[in-house]
N, C-alpha and C. Protein backbone atom coordinates (compact mmCIF):
# COMPACT_ATOMS: atom_id res chain seq x y z
N MET A 1 1.01 -1.37 0.03
CA MET A 1 0.23 -0.08 0.36
C MET A 1 1.39 1.40 -0.05
N THR A 2 0.53 2.23 -0.70
CA THR A 2 1.43 3.33 -0.89
C THR A 2 1.23 4.22 0.29
N ALA A 3 2.10 5.40 0.55
CA ALA A 3 2.60 6.04 1.54
C ALA A 3 1.59 7.13 1.55
N THR A 4 1.07 7.72 0.46
CA THR A 4 0.17 8.41 0.46
C THR A 4 -1.54 7.80 -0.14
N LEU A 5 -2.32 8.78 0.63
CA LEU A 5 -3.49 8.18 -0.02
C LEU A 5 -4.28 9.65 -1.09
N THR A 6 -4.95 8.95 -2.14
CA THR A 6 -5.68 10.39 -2.56
C THR A 6 -6.58 10.70 -2.08
N ARG A 7 -7.37 12.05 -1.90
CA ARG A 7 -8.82 12.47 -1.19
C ARG A 7 -9.71 11.68 -1.51
N GLU A 8 -10.59 11.00 -2.92
CA GLU A 8 -11.12 10.12 -2.85
C GLU A 8 -11.18 8.71 -2.08
N GLU A 9 -9.87 8.28 -1.66
CA GLU A 9 -9.75 6.91 -1.00
C GLU A 9 -10.09 7.43 0.23
N VAL A 10 -9.33 8.74 0.67
CA VAL A 10 -9.13 9.15 2.29
C VAL A 10 -10.79 8.91 2.51
N ASP A 11 -12.02 10.05 1.99
CA ASP A 11 -13.51 10.09 1.60
C ASP A 11 -14.02 8.92 1.74
N ARG A 12 -13.60 8.45 1.08
CA ARG A 12 -14.46 6.74 0.78
C ARG A 12 -14.13 6.12 2.44
N ARG A 13 -13.42 6.13 2.68
CA ARG A 13 -12.63 5.49 4.14
C ARG A 13 -13.22 5.95 5.62
N VAL A 14 -13.64 7.55 5.14
CA VAL A 14 -14.70 8.09 6.14
C VAL A 14 -15.55 7.92 6.32
N ALA A 15 -16.47 8.06 5.21
CA ALA A 15 -17.63 7.69 4.86
C ALA A 15 -18.14 5.81 5.11
N LEU A 16 -16.80 5.55 5.44
CA LEU A 16 -17.04 3.69 5.66
C LEU A 16 -16.72 3.84 6.71
N LEU A 17 -16.30 4.73 7.69
CA LEU A 17 -15.75 4.54 8.92
C LEU A 17 -16.97 5.18 9.49
N LYS A 18 -17.55 6.43 9.35
CA LYS A 18 -18.89 6.92 9.95
C LYS A 18 -20.12 6.44 9.36
N ARG A 19 -20.90 5.30 8.37
CA ARG A 19 -21.55 4.10 8.33
C ARG A 19 -21.61 3.18 9.05
N LEU A 20 -20.36 2.96 9.56
CA LEU A 20 -20.25 1.44 10.35
C LEU A 20 -20.26 1.79 11.71
N LYS A 21 -20.12 3.07 12.38
CA LYS A 21 -20.34 4.28 13.66
C LYS A 21 -21.64 4.03 13.90
N THR A 22 -22.43 4.57 12.66
CA THR A 22 -23.72 4.75 13.18
C THR A 22 -24.25 3.56 12.92
N THR A 23 -24.08 2.60 12.17
CA THR A 23 -24.76 1.40 12.38
C THR A 23 -24.56 0.42 13.51
N LEU A 24 -23.47 1.18 14.03
CA LEU A 24 -23.23 0.37 15.53
C LEU A 24 -23.89 0.72 16.63
N ALA A 25 -24.07 2.13 16.28
CA ALA A 25 -24.55 2.76 17.31
C ALA A 25 -26.33 2.30 17.58
N GLU A 26 -26.70 2.70 16.16
CA GLU A 26 -27.88 1.74 15.85
C GLU A 26 -28.60 0.16 16.53
N GLN A 27 -27.43 -0.57 16.32
CA GLN A 27 -27.38 -1.56 17.09
C GLN A 27 -27.24 -1.82 18.52
N ARG A 28 -26.38 -1.16 18.95
CA ARG A 28 -26.74 -0.70 20.77
C ARG A 28 -28.17 -0.16 20.66
N THR A 29 -28.50 0.43 20.40
CA THR A 29 -29.66 1.23 20.42
C THR A 29 -30.80 0.14 20.81
N LYS A 30 -31.00 -1.00 19.63
CA LYS A 30 -31.25 -1.58 19.66
C LYS A 30 -31.15 -3.02 20.22
N PHE A 31 -30.60 -3.10 21.22
CA PHE A 31 -29.88 -4.03 22.37
C PHE A 31 -30.35 -3.66 23.17
N GLN A 32 -29.87 -2.07 23.42
CA GLN A 32 -31.01 -1.28 24.93
C GLN A 32 -32.34 -1.51 24.83
N LYS A 33 -32.88 -1.71 23.85
CA LYS A 33 -34.52 -1.73 24.15
C LYS A 33 -35.11 -2.96 23.98
N TYR A 34 -34.08 -4.03 23.36
CA TYR A 34 -34.26 -4.91 23.66
C TYR A 34 -34.56 -5.62 25.26
N LEU A 35 -33.23 -4.86 26.18
CA LEU A 35 -33.25 -5.79 27.59
C LEU A 35 -34.39 -4.72 28.38
N LYS A 36 -34.44 -3.31 27.96
CA LYS A 36 -35.82 -2.85 28.45
C LYS A 36 -36.96 -4.10 27.62
N VAL A 37 -36.88 -4.65 27.28
CA VAL A 37 -38.20 -5.48 26.82
C VAL A 37 -38.18 -6.75 27.59
N LEU A 38 -37.06 -7.51 27.75
CA LEU A 38 -36.75 -8.41 28.40
C LEU A 38 -37.14 -7.80 30.04
N ASP A 39 -36.63 -7.00 30.96
CA ASP A 39 -36.72 -5.86 32.41
C ASP A 39 -38.66 -6.55 32.22
N ALA A 40 -38.83 -5.64 31.25
CA ALA A 40 -40.87 -5.61 31.25
C ALA A 40 -41.27 -7.19 31.47
N GLU A 41 -40.86 -8.00 30.59
CA GLU A 41 -41.71 -9.49 30.85
C GLU A 41 -41.10 -10.14 32.30
N LYS A 42 -40.07 -10.45 32.34
CA LYS A 42 -40.05 -10.80 33.76
C LYS A 42 -40.94 -10.10 34.92
N ALA A 43 -40.88 -8.71 34.67
CA ALA A 43 -42.23 -8.53 35.41
C ALA A 43 -43.34 -9.28 34.97
N SER A 44 -44.20 -8.62 33.90
CA SER A 44 -45.09 -9.67 33.48
C SER A 44 -45.32 -11.10 33.37
N ILE A 45 -44.52 -11.55 33.68
CA ILE A 45 -43.96 -13.38 34.22
C ILE A 45 -44.41 -13.40 35.32
N GLU A 46 -43.55 -12.82 36.45
CA GLU A 46 -43.81 -12.45 38.03
C GLU A 46 -45.09 -11.92 38.26
N ALA A 47 -45.65 -11.49 37.32
CA ALA A 47 -47.51 -10.99 38.23
C ALA A 47 -48.31 -11.34 37.11
N ASP A 48 -47.83 -12.52 36.59
CA ASP A 48 -49.18 -14.07 35.98
C ASP A 48 -49.91 -12.51 35.02
N SER A 49 -48.88 -11.63 34.37
CA SER A 49 -49.94 -10.47 33.14
C SER A 49 -49.57 -11.45 31.30
N VAL A 50 -50.57 -12.51 31.72
CA VAL A 50 -51.15 -13.00 30.18
C VAL A 50 -50.40 -11.60 28.70
N ASP A 51 -51.68 -11.17 28.52
CA ASP A 51 -51.89 -10.43 27.27
C ASP A 51 -50.39 -9.65 27.71
N THR A 52 -50.15 -8.44 28.37
CA THR A 52 -49.61 -7.58 28.73
C THR A 52 -47.86 -8.86 28.06
N LEU A 53 -47.50 -10.06 28.49
CA LEU A 53 -46.41 -10.54 28.16
C LEU A 53 -46.40 -11.09 26.81
N ARG A 54 -48.02 -11.30 26.50
CA ARG A 54 -47.91 -11.66 24.96
C ARG A 54 -47.65 -10.37 23.81
N ALA A 55 -48.06 -8.98 24.28
CA ALA A 55 -47.39 -8.27 23.77
C ALA A 55 -46.02 -7.53 23.74
N GLN A 56 -45.49 -8.35 25.00
CA GLN A 56 -43.98 -8.09 25.11
C GLN A 56 -43.02 -8.53 23.68
N VAL A 57 -43.68 -10.07 23.76
CA VAL A 57 -42.93 -11.17 23.19
C VAL A 57 -42.87 -10.93 21.97
N GLU A 58 -44.33 -10.31 21.20
CA GLU A 58 -44.06 -9.44 19.60
C GLU A 58 -43.37 -8.47 19.70
N LEU A 59 -43.21 -8.19 20.82
CA LEU A 59 -41.99 -6.81 20.59
C LEU A 59 -40.78 -7.03 20.35
N GLU A 60 -40.39 -8.25 21.10
CA GLU A 60 -38.60 -8.84 21.26
C GLU A 60 -38.44 -8.90 20.01
N GLU A 61 -40.20 -9.93 19.36
CA GLU A 61 -39.62 -10.67 17.65
C GLU A 61 -39.40 -9.73 17.19
N GLU A 62 -40.12 -8.55 16.77
CA GLU A 62 -39.59 -7.04 16.12
C GLU A 62 -37.86 -7.29 16.54
N LEU A 63 -37.63 -6.54 17.39
CA LEU A 63 -36.51 -6.34 17.62
C LEU A 63 -35.60 -6.97 17.36
N VAL A 64 -35.73 -8.42 17.58
CA VAL A 64 -34.71 -9.13 17.19
C VAL A 64 -34.74 -9.65 15.41
N VAL A 65 -36.26 -9.78 15.55
CA VAL A 65 -35.63 -9.53 13.20
C VAL A 65 -34.65 -8.13 13.14
N ASP A 66 -35.36 -7.13 13.66
CA ASP A 66 -34.19 -5.77 13.67
C ASP A 66 -33.10 -5.96 13.86
N ILE A 67 -32.56 -6.58 14.63
CA ILE A 67 -30.72 -6.90 14.98
C ILE A 67 -30.41 -7.53 13.95
N HIS A 68 -31.52 -8.73 13.71
CA HIS A 68 -30.63 -9.49 12.49
C HIS A 68 -30.08 -8.87 11.43
N ALA A 69 -31.13 -7.85 10.93
CA ALA A 69 -31.48 -7.05 9.85
C ALA A 69 -29.67 -6.18 9.87
N ILE A 70 -29.57 -5.51 11.13
CA ILE A 70 -28.62 -4.62 11.21
C ILE A 70 -27.35 -5.21 11.58
N GLN A 71 -27.17 -6.35 11.66
CA GLN A 71 -26.10 -7.53 11.79
C GLN A 71 -25.33 -7.98 10.19
N LYS A 72 -26.49 -7.83 9.81
CA LYS A 72 -26.18 -8.36 8.31
C LYS A 72 -25.41 -7.13 7.30
N VAL A 73 -25.83 -5.67 8.29
CA VAL A 73 -25.05 -4.84 7.11
C VAL A 73 -23.81 -4.50 8.07
N ILE A 74 -23.52 -4.73 9.07
CA ILE A 74 -22.28 -4.46 10.25
C ILE A 74 -21.28 -5.26 9.86
N ASP A 75 -21.57 -6.54 9.33
CA ASP A 75 -20.70 -7.76 9.25
C ASP A 75 -19.80 -7.69 7.21
N PRO A 76 -20.30 -7.06 6.16
CA PRO A 76 -19.93 -6.56 4.92
C PRO A 76 -18.65 -5.36 5.60
N LEU A 77 -19.83 -4.32 6.26
CA LEU A 77 -18.87 -2.96 6.64
C LEU A 77 -17.77 -3.77 7.14
N GLU A 78 -17.86 -4.14 8.32
CA GLU A 78 -16.50 -4.21 9.43
C GLU A 78 -16.02 -4.82 7.82
N ALA A 79 -15.82 -5.98 7.07
CA ALA A 79 -14.99 -6.82 6.66
C ALA A 79 -14.36 -5.70 5.40
N VAL A 80 -15.29 -4.82 4.73
CA VAL A 80 -14.57 -3.83 3.81
C VAL A 80 -13.12 -2.99 4.47
N LEU A 81 -13.89 -2.58 5.59
CA LEU A 81 -13.19 -1.86 6.79
C LEU A 81 -11.90 -2.28 6.85
N HIS A 82 -11.87 -3.57 7.36
CA HIS A 82 -10.40 -4.33 7.53
C HIS A 82 -9.35 -5.13 6.62
N GLN A 83 -9.92 -4.82 5.23
CA GLN A 83 -9.42 -5.45 3.88
C GLN A 83 -8.84 -4.16 3.67
N SER A 84 -9.66 -3.30 3.88
CA SER A 84 -8.87 -1.68 2.82
C SER A 84 -8.53 -0.37 4.07
N TYR A 85 -8.51 -0.74 5.90
CA TYR A 85 -8.03 0.42 6.29
C TYR A 85 -7.74 -0.88 7.41
N HIS A 86 -6.08 -0.96 7.82
CA HIS A 86 -5.68 -1.90 9.03
C HIS A 86 -5.64 -1.44 10.44
N GLY A 87 -5.68 -0.08 10.27
CA GLY A 87 -5.80 0.93 11.40
C GLY A 87 -7.16 0.45 12.36
N ALA A 88 -6.86 0.32 13.73
CA ALA A 88 -8.01 0.54 14.86
C ALA A 88 -8.39 1.93 15.10
N ASP A 89 -9.89 2.01 14.65
CA ASP A 89 -10.23 2.84 15.50
C ASP A 89 -10.83 2.95 16.76
N ASP A 90 -10.52 3.62 17.57
CA ASP A 90 -10.65 3.65 19.05
C ASP A 90 -12.65 3.35 19.11
N GLU A 91 -13.01 4.59 18.24
CA GLU A 91 -14.79 4.28 18.50
C GLU A 91 -15.50 3.40 18.46
N VAL A 92 -14.78 2.92 16.88
CA VAL A 92 -15.67 1.17 16.48
C VAL A 92 -15.13 0.60 17.37
N ALA A 93 -14.14 0.03 17.88
CA ALA A 93 -13.51 -0.59 18.99
C ALA A 93 -14.43 -0.62 19.75
N ASP A 94 -14.86 0.62 20.78
CA ASP A 94 -15.51 0.57 21.71
C ASP A 94 -16.77 0.37 21.65
N LEU A 95 -17.35 0.54 20.36
CA LEU A 95 -19.27 0.38 19.97
C LEU A 95 -19.30 -1.42 20.35
N ARG A 96 -17.97 -1.86 19.25
CA ARG A 96 -18.07 -2.73 18.97
C ARG A 96 -17.89 -3.85 21.09
N SER A 97 -17.43 -3.27 21.22
CA SER A 97 -17.37 -3.55 22.68
C SER A 97 -18.35 -3.55 23.42
N SER A 98 -19.09 -2.52 23.61
CA SER A 98 -20.38 -2.40 23.96
C SER A 98 -21.19 -3.31 23.72
N LEU A 99 -21.24 -3.14 22.29
CA LEU A 99 -22.02 -4.48 21.70
C LEU A 99 -22.11 -5.82 22.15
N GLU A 100 -21.08 -6.24 22.50
CA GLU A 100 -20.45 -7.44 23.09
C GLU A 100 -21.24 -7.36 24.28
N THR A 101 -20.85 -6.77 25.68
CA THR A 101 -21.08 -6.36 26.76
C THR A 101 -22.81 -6.46 26.73
N LEU A 102 -23.46 -6.05 25.50
CA LEU A 102 -25.21 -5.94 25.52
C LEU A 102 -25.65 -7.05 25.29
N LYS A 103 -24.66 -7.76 24.40
CA LYS A 103 -25.19 -9.69 23.97
C LYS A 103 -25.24 -9.86 24.58
N VAL A 104 -24.08 -10.07 26.06
CA VAL A 104 -24.76 -11.04 27.10
C VAL A 104 -24.93 -10.72 27.61
N GLN A 105 -25.45 -9.55 28.00
CA GLN A 105 -26.32 -9.50 29.49
C GLN A 105 -27.78 -9.39 28.46
N VAL A 106 -28.48 -9.81 27.24
CA VAL A 106 -29.39 -9.92 26.58
C VAL A 106 -29.55 -11.36 26.69
N GLN A 107 -28.63 -12.09 26.78
CA GLN A 107 -28.35 -13.79 26.55
C GLN A 107 -28.92 -14.20 28.42
N GLU A 108 -27.77 -13.25 28.70
CA GLU A 108 -28.80 -13.96 30.48
C GLU A 108 -29.70 -13.41 30.76
N LYS A 109 -30.41 -12.41 30.55
CA LYS A 109 -31.67 -11.85 31.11
C LYS A 109 -32.90 -12.69 30.07
N SER A 110 -32.47 -13.33 29.16
CA SER A 110 -33.31 -14.08 28.38
C SER A 110 -33.30 -15.62 28.87
N LYS A 111 -32.29 -16.05 29.29
CA LYS A 111 -32.01 -17.18 30.10
C LYS A 111 -32.64 -17.13 31.51
N GLU A 112 -32.58 -16.22 32.13
CA GLU A 112 -33.43 -15.77 33.04
C GLU A 112 -34.86 -15.66 33.04
N ASN A 113 -35.52 -15.18 32.05
CA ASN A 113 -37.07 -15.29 31.41
C ASN A 113 -37.29 -16.58 31.50
N ARG A 114 -36.70 -17.25 30.57
CA ARG A 114 -37.33 -18.51 30.13
C ARG A 114 -37.31 -19.64 31.52
N GLY A 115 -36.26 -19.02 32.35
CA GLY A 115 -36.51 -20.67 33.47
C GLY A 115 -37.40 -19.76 34.46
N LEU A 116 -37.79 -18.36 34.51
CA LEU A 116 -39.03 -17.82 35.27
C LEU A 116 -40.07 -18.46 35.00
N LEU A 117 -40.76 -18.24 33.79
CA LEU A 117 -41.73 -18.41 32.23
C LEU A 117 -41.69 -19.91 32.52
N SER A 118 -40.73 -20.95 32.36
CA SER A 118 -40.78 -22.59 32.65
C SER A 118 -41.61 -22.60 34.37
N ARG A 119 -41.23 -22.36 35.14
CA ARG A 119 -41.45 -22.44 36.80
C ARG A 119 -42.86 -22.26 37.00
N SER A 120 -43.79 -20.84 35.53
CA SER A 120 -44.78 -20.23 35.40
C SER A 120 -45.35 -21.79 35.30
N MET A 121 -45.26 -21.86 34.00
CA MET A 121 -45.75 -22.69 33.48
C MET A 121 -45.94 -23.77 34.17
N ALA A 122 -45.00 -24.54 35.26
CA ALA A 122 -45.21 -25.91 35.83
C ALA A 122 -46.03 -26.06 36.74
N ALA A 123 -46.09 -24.71 37.35
CA ALA A 123 -46.60 -24.15 38.59
C ALA A 123 -48.11 -24.07 38.17
N LEU A 124 -48.68 -23.42 37.06
CA LEU A 124 -50.04 -23.71 36.36
C LEU A 124 -50.25 -25.02 35.91
N GLU A 125 -49.15 -25.49 35.67
CA GLU A 125 -49.51 -27.19 34.95
C GLU A 125 -50.30 -27.88 36.36
N GLY A 126 -49.11 -27.57 37.65
CA GLY A 126 -49.86 -28.37 39.09
C GLY A 126 -51.12 -28.23 39.28
N GLU A 127 -51.29 -26.71 38.67
CA GLU A 127 -52.64 -26.18 39.93
C GLU A 127 -54.25 -26.77 38.95
N ILE A 128 -53.92 -26.95 37.30
CA ILE A 128 -54.58 -27.31 36.78
C ILE A 128 -54.89 -29.32 36.99
N VAL A 129 -53.64 -29.75 37.28
CA VAL A 129 -53.82 -31.27 38.15
C VAL A 129 -54.56 -31.19 38.88
N ARG A 130 -54.53 -30.46 39.97
CA ARG A 130 -55.06 -29.93 41.30
C ARG A 130 -56.46 -30.13 41.26
N LEU A 131 -56.88 -29.07 40.13
CA LEU A 131 -58.23 -28.90 39.99
C LEU A 131 -58.93 -29.57 39.18
N ARG A 132 -58.77 -30.85 38.59
CA ARG A 132 -59.46 -31.75 37.78
C ARG A 132 -59.69 -32.65 39.30
N PRO A 133 -61.74 -32.92 38.62
CA PRO A 133 -61.73 -34.09 39.23
C PRO A 133 -60.97 -35.29 39.44
N GLN A 134 -61.12 -35.95 40.76
CA GLN A 134 -60.74 -36.71 41.07
C GLN A 134 -61.32 -38.43 40.20
N VAL A 135 -60.75 -38.88 38.86
CA VAL A 135 -61.40 -40.19 38.30
C VAL A 135 -61.64 -41.22 39.17
N ARG A 136 -63.38 -41.94 39.54
CA ARG A 136 -63.21 -42.50 39.79
C ARG A 136 -63.50 -44.05 39.26
N GLY A 137 -63.40 -45.19 39.80
CA GLY A 137 -63.35 -46.56 39.05
C GLY A 137 -64.44 -46.54 38.19
N ARG A 138 -65.63 -46.26 39.47
CA ARG A 138 -66.74 -46.33 38.46
C ARG A 138 -68.19 -45.03 38.58
N ASN A 139 -68.56 -45.16 37.66
CA ASN A 139 -69.73 -44.13 37.26
C ASN A 139 -70.47 -44.02 38.61
N PRO A 140 -70.86 -43.18 39.15
CA PRO A 140 -71.68 -42.78 40.46
C PRO A 140 -73.02 -43.27 40.17
N TYR A 141 -73.22 -43.26 39.07
CA TYR A 141 -75.14 -42.35 38.70
C TYR A 141 -75.40 -44.47 38.47
N ALA A 142 -74.07 -44.84 38.16
CA ALA A 142 -75.02 -46.55 37.54
C ALA A 142 -75.35 -46.83 39.25
N GLY A 143 -76.22 -47.73 39.55
CA GLY A 143 -77.03 -48.76 40.44
C GLY A 143 -75.72 -49.69 40.70
N ALA A 144 -75.85 -49.82 42.16
CA ALA A 144 -75.23 -51.31 42.07
C ALA A 144 -75.81 -52.82 41.18
N ARG A 145 -77.09 -52.92 40.96
CA ARG A 145 -77.58 -54.07 39.85
C ARG A 145 -77.61 -53.55 38.79
N ALA A 146 -77.81 -54.07 37.61
CA ALA A 146 -78.59 -53.53 36.28
C ALA A 146 -79.55 -53.27 36.78
N ALA A 147 -79.78 -52.43 35.91
CA ALA A 147 -81.03 -51.96 36.02
C ALA A 147 -81.72 -52.38 34.15
N ASN A 148 -83.17 -52.36 34.25
CA ASN A 148 -83.97 -53.04 33.38
C ASN A 148 -84.17 -52.06 32.65
N SER A 149 -83.75 -53.21 30.83
CA SER A 149 -83.39 -52.36 29.99
C SER A 149 -85.12 -52.31 28.68
N LEU A 150 -86.26 -52.94 29.85
CA LEU A 150 -87.32 -53.06 28.79
C LEU A 150 -88.24 -52.90 29.59
N VAL A 151 -88.68 -51.45 28.88
CA VAL A 151 -90.38 -51.09 29.43
C VAL A 151 -91.40 -51.65 29.02
N ASP A 152 -93.00 -51.44 30.09
CA ASP A 152 -94.08 -52.66 29.67
C ASP A 152 -94.64 -51.36 29.70
N ILE A 153 -95.54 -51.13 28.96
CA ILE A 153 -96.49 -49.77 27.71
C ILE A 153 -97.69 -50.39 27.56
N THR A 154 -97.79 -51.40 27.82
CA THR A 154 -99.10 -51.42 26.95
C THR A 154 -100.33 -51.35 28.00
N THR A 155 -100.09 -51.46 29.60
CA THR A 155 -101.27 -50.97 30.64
C THR A 155 -101.90 -49.49 30.73
């Protein structure tokens, strides 16, 4: 690589860095929203609020789709940046580090919520079993002896 860069190359690299920084910041914002949704889900699970939980799960699914879409933009940007610019940008490294921290937090909170939800579902299943009527061996309406099956209607 030559020691001097043309103005066009510098402008291209600056634009690439700005785009990457913007996209990483957007991804960080999505992860922060995701963490808030996971906190709200935890509260809804603990409060047994099914309707609220359903709405939060829908929002969570939208955020996951957004996060994956943004990641599809970040990966090629980083690849191009690493191919054309071998120096490390501190701001990009900081954004990348904060994203990794947020990912770990999301995974931990998601795992915690799954555990809470599993325990809540197990408690509900136990309650349903407890509320079911006890099944008896015989029908309580059947008599001790067989009833007549023919009725005389001639009189």
